[in-house]
Amino acid sequence: MASSLPLGVRESKMGYYVRFLATTDKNVPLIQIEKYLKVNRIGVYLEIEDGDENDWYQAAVKNKKKEVIAIMEKNPVKEGLLGEEEIEEFLEDVEEYKPESAVNWLKEYLPTVKVIYAFQILNPIHDGDGWQIVDTIKEKLWNELGGIFQADMEGFSNTDGYHILWQFSDNVDGEWCMAILDGNEWIKFTMDLGNAQHKIAFQEGRIPEDVEIMK
């Protein structure tokens, strides 16, 4: 799984979200997430705001200073609920982006999503290990459920956690783990998001020249 954000996207505001989309609605109790954080020696506090430890729907994620760095929500994709609305919005939104192969793949994958875990990112996340905390929670959910990632002003990943759809802002920069669909196979590589030629090739569904192919 790629780390949270490349340069040019890190200065989050109140409305910024990252999400994990799973195709199974198996429950992951909050206590399991807390244990995983402890195993990884990450000091964090999870405060339930809706539900209980076994069946939660919203929780505040706090750092060691007990500052709220993110609000974590679990939104089932069911008729009339927010999760269903988000999937419909994603299906409409991806049509405007590239590469086309990723758009087509997402149009098949998104309707199979059963639950969306949404993290509203708050400014204290930039203090200390805030991003590591959120990434570790996402990793636990990914290990338990499998699925894909999405981030505002960034795009979507495939099920291996590699970035597949370009939704970055124009000032984005930094090395990033990407994937292009070749038939039924994802070709994985790292590229410089600030390199104009790399960007053009990726959006056209081609492997950029002079990039490191990953096995």
Protein backbone atom coordinates (compact mmCIF):
# COMPACT_ATOMS: atom_id res chain seq x y z
CA MET A 1 0.00 0.00 0.00
CA ALA A 2 1.37 3.38 -0.96
CA SER A 3 1.86 6.01 1.75
CA SER A 4 -0.77 8.69 2.07
CA LEU A 5 0.02 11.67 -0.10
CA PRO A 6 2.58 13.00 -2.56
CA LEU A 7 3.87 16.55 -2.39
CA GLY A 8 1.32 19.09 -3.50
CA VAL A 9 -1.57 17.32 -1.77
CA ARG A 10 -0.42 17.16 1.86
CA GLU A 11 -1.79 20.48 3.12
CA SER A 12 -5.21 19.07 4.00
CA LYS A 13 -8.27 21.12 4.85
CA MET A 14 -11.43 20.26 6.79
CA GLY A 15 -13.18 18.72 3.79
CA TYR A 16 -10.36 16.38 2.74
CA TYR A 17 -11.08 12.63 2.74
CA VAL A 18 -9.21 9.41 2.09
CA ARG A 19 -11.19 6.19 1.78
CA PHE A 20 -10.90 2.43 1.80
CA LEU A 21 -13.52 0.56 -0.26
CA ALA A 22 -14.13 -3.11 0.52
CA THR A 23 -16.11 -5.72 -1.38
CA THR A 24 -16.99 -7.59 1.81
CA ASP A 25 -19.01 -6.22 4.73
CA LYS A 26 -17.32 -8.45 7.31
CA ASN A 27 -17.19 -6.57 10.61
CA VAL A 28 -13.81 -5.41 11.94
CA PRO A 29 -14.27 -4.55 15.65
CA LEU A 30 -12.52 -1.40 16.84
CA ILE A 31 -10.61 -3.42 19.44
CA GLN A 32 -8.91 -5.37 16.62
CA ILE A 33 -7.77 -2.11 15.04
CA GLU A 34 -6.46 -0.88 18.40
CA LYS A 35 -4.52 -4.12 18.93
CA TYR A 36 -2.96 -3.82 15.46
CA LEU A 37 -1.83 -0.28 16.23
CA LYS A 38 -0.26 -1.45 19.51
CA VAL A 39 1.55 -4.31 17.76
CA ASN A 40 3.03 -1.71 15.42
CA ARG A 41 4.00 0.41 18.47
CA ILE A 42 1.80 3.30 17.49
CA GLY A 43 0.30 5.36 20.29
CA VAL A 44 -3.24 6.33 19.38
CA TYR A 45 -6.68 6.69 20.92
CA LEU A 46 -9.87 5.62 19.13
CA GLU A 47 -12.99 7.20 20.60
CA ILE A 48 -16.34 5.79 19.46
CA GLU A 49 -18.84 8.44 18.42
CA ASP A 50 -21.49 6.17 16.90
CA GLY A 51 -22.00 2.50 17.77
CA ASP A 52 -19.86 0.31 20.04
CA GLU A 53 -16.52 -1.52 19.86
CA ASN A 54 -18.04 -4.50 18.08
CA ASP A 55 -20.34 -2.61 15.72
CA TRP A 56 -19.08 0.96 15.23
CA TYR A 57 -19.97 3.50 12.55
CA GLN A 58 -17.94 6.55 13.54
CA ALA A 59 -14.85 7.06 15.68
CA ALA A 60 -12.43 9.90 16.40
CA VAL A 61 -8.75 9.07 15.81
CA LYS A 62 -6.51 10.84 18.33
CA ASN A 63 -2.72 11.10 18.53
CA LYS A 64 -0.59 10.87 21.69
CA LYS A 65 -1.48 14.47 22.54
CA LYS A 66 -5.15 13.42 22.30
CA GLU A 67 -5.66 15.77 19.36
CA VAL A 68 -8.23 14.54 16.85
CA ILE A 69 -6.31 13.91 13.61
CA ALA A 70 -9.15 12.23 11.70
CA ILE A 71 -12.79 11.18 11.92
CA MET A 72 -13.24 7.59 10.77
CA GLU A 73 -16.63 6.53 9.40
CA LYS A 74 -17.97 3.16 8.23
CA ASN A 75 -20.61 3.60 5.52
CA PRO A 76 -22.37 0.45 4.25
CA VAL A 77 -23.28 0.56 0.55
CA LYS A 78 -27.02 0.00 0.86
CA GLU A 79 -30.04 1.52 -0.80
CA GLY A 80 -30.78 5.01 0.48
CA LEU A 81 -27.59 5.30 2.54
CA LEU A 82 -24.52 7.53 2.09
CA GLY A 83 -22.34 4.64 0.87
CA GLU A 84 -24.61 4.04 -2.12
CA GLU A 85 -24.59 7.76 -2.96
CA GLU A 86 -20.79 7.85 -2.85
CA ILE A 87 -20.46 4.90 -5.23
CA GLU A 88 -22.86 6.56 -7.68
CA GLU A 89 -20.84 9.78 -7.49
CA PHE A 90 -17.57 7.90 -8.04
CA LEU A 91 -18.96 6.10 -11.10
CA GLU A 92 -19.97 9.44 -12.61
CA ASP A 93 -16.78 11.24 -11.60
CA VAL A 94 -14.22 8.75 -12.94
CA GLU A 95 -15.52 9.20 -16.49
CA GLU A 96 -13.67 12.54 -16.62
CA TYR A 97 -10.22 11.10 -15.86
CA LYS A 98 -7.51 8.90 -17.36
CA PRO A 99 -6.21 6.39 -18.26
CA GLU A 100 -9.27 4.89 -19.93
CA SER A 101 -8.26 1.35 -18.97
CA ALA A 102 -8.43 2.31 -15.27
CA VAL A 103 -11.80 4.01 -15.77
CA ASN A 104 -13.23 0.86 -17.34
CA TRP A 105 -11.79 -1.32 -14.56
CA LEU A 106 -13.25 0.94 -11.85
CA LYS A 107 -16.66 0.95 -13.54
CA GLU A 108 -16.72 -2.84 -13.11
CA TYR A 109 -15.19 -2.87 -9.62
CA LEU A 110 -17.06 -0.05 -7.85
CA PRO A 111 -20.53 -1.66 -8.08
CA THR A 112 -19.16 -4.64 -6.10
CA VAL A 113 -18.16 -2.49 -3.10
CA LYS A 114 -20.11 -3.34 0.08
CA VAL A 115 -18.70 -0.80 2.57
CA ILE A 116 -16.70 2.43 2.51
CA TYR A 117 -14.37 3.42 5.34
CA ALA A 118 -13.95 7.19 5.08
CA PHE A 119 -11.32 9.22 6.95
CA GLN A 120 -11.93 12.94 7.25
CA ILE A 121 -8.44 14.36 7.63
CA LEU A 122 -7.94 17.18 10.12
CA ASN A 123 -4.96 19.56 10.39
CA PRO A 124 -3.37 18.02 13.55
CA ILE A 125 -2.50 15.00 11.36
CA HIS A 126 0.60 16.90 10.24
CA ASP A 127 1.97 16.84 13.80
CA GLY A 128 4.26 13.86 14.39
CA ASP A 129 3.18 10.43 13.15
CA GLY A 130 -0.37 11.39 12.19
CA TRP A 131 -0.21 10.04 8.66
CA GLN A 132 1.40 6.83 9.89
CA ILE A 133 -1.55 6.30 12.24
CA VAL A 134 -4.13 6.62 9.46
CA ASP A 135 -2.05 4.51 7.07
CA THR A 136 -1.76 1.74 9.69
CA ILE A 137 -5.53 1.70 10.27
CA LYS A 138 -6.10 1.49 6.51
CA GLU A 139 -3.53 -1.32 6.34
CA LYS A 140 -5.39 -3.30 9.01
CA LEU A 141 -8.69 -2.93 7.13
CA TRP A 142 -6.98 -3.90 3.86
CA ASN A 143 -5.43 -7.00 5.46
CA GLU A 144 -8.80 -8.06 6.87
CA LEU A 145 -11.09 -7.22 3.96
CA GLY A 146 -9.14 -6.58 0.76
CA GLY A 147 -10.20 -3.68 -1.43
CA ILE A 148 -9.02 -0.44 -3.00
CA PHE A 149 -8.10 3.05 -1.84
CA GLN A 150 -9.31 6.48 -2.90
CA ALA A 151 -8.17 9.96 -1.93
CA ASP A 152 -9.51 13.39 -2.82
CA MET A 153 -7.24 15.27 -5.26
CA GLU A 154 -5.34 12.02 -5.90
CA GLY A 155 -7.42 9.17 -7.32
CA PHE A 156 -7.92 5.42 -6.92
CA SER A 157 -5.69 2.41 -6.37
CA ASN A 158 -6.11 -1.16 -7.57
CA THR A 159 -6.48 -4.08 -5.15
CA ASP A 160 -2.69 -4.25 -4.75
CA GLY A 161 -2.59 -0.66 -3.48
CA TYR A 162 -0.95 0.83 -6.61
CA HIS A 163 -2.29 4.10 -8.00
CA ILE A 164 -4.28 3.69 -11.24
CA LEU A 165 -6.26 6.89 -11.94
CA TRP A 166 -4.83 10.41 -12.34
CA GLN A 167 -6.83 12.95 -10.34
CA PHE A 168 -3.87 14.94 -9.02
CA SER A 169 -3.64 18.72 -9.03
CA ASP A 170 -1.22 20.39 -11.47
CA ASN A 171 1.37 21.17 -8.78
CA VAL A 172 1.79 17.59 -7.57
CA ASP A 173 5.34 16.29 -7.17
CA GLY A 174 7.22 13.29 -5.81
CA GLU A 175 7.87 9.62 -6.58
CA TRP A 176 4.77 7.42 -6.52
CA CYS A 177 3.83 3.76 -6.98
CA MET A 178 1.62 3.41 -10.07
CA ALA A 179 0.08 0.67 -12.21
CA ILE A 180 -1.19 0.43 -15.79
CA LEU A 181 -3.56 -2.32 -16.89
CA ASP A 182 -2.14 -4.43 -19.73
CA GLY A 183 -4.88 -6.87 -20.73
CA ASN A 184 -5.71 -8.57 -17.42
CA GLU A 185 -2.34 -7.80 -15.81
CA TRP A 186 -1.32 -4.76 -13.79
CA ILE A 187 2.15 -3.50 -14.69
CA LYS A 188 3.54 -1.82 -11.56
CA PHE A 189 6.21 0.88 -11.52
CA THR A 190 7.38 4.02 -9.75
CA MET A 191 7.31 7.39 -11.52
CA ASP A 192 7.88 11.07 -10.84
CA LEU A 193 4.47 12.73 -10.61
CA GLY A 194 6.04 16.07 -11.48
CA ASN A 195 7.53 14.76 -14.74
CA ALA A 196 5.32 16.01 -17.60
CA GLN A 197 6.31 13.18 -19.96
CA HIS A 198 5.62 10.56 -17.31
CA LYS A 199 2.20 12.12 -16.71
CA ILE A 200 1.29 12.12 -20.41
CA ALA A 201 2.35 8.50 -20.86
CA PHE A 202 0.41 7.37 -17.78
CA GLN A 203 -2.76 9.17 -18.82
CA GLU A 204 -2.50 7.56 -22.26
CA GLY A 205 -2.27 4.13 -20.62
CA ARG A 206 1.43 3.65 -21.46
CA ILE A 207 4.40 2.79 -19.24
CA PRO A 208 6.55 5.96 -19.04
CA GLU A 209 10.09 5.68 -20.33
CA ASP A 210 12.93 5.30 -17.84
CA VAL A 211 10.78 4.17 -14.93
CA GLU A 212 11.48 1.31 -12.54
CA ILE A 213 9.20 -1.67 -13.24
CA MET A 214 8.24 -3.49 -10.05
CA LYS A 215 7.84 -7.26 -9.77
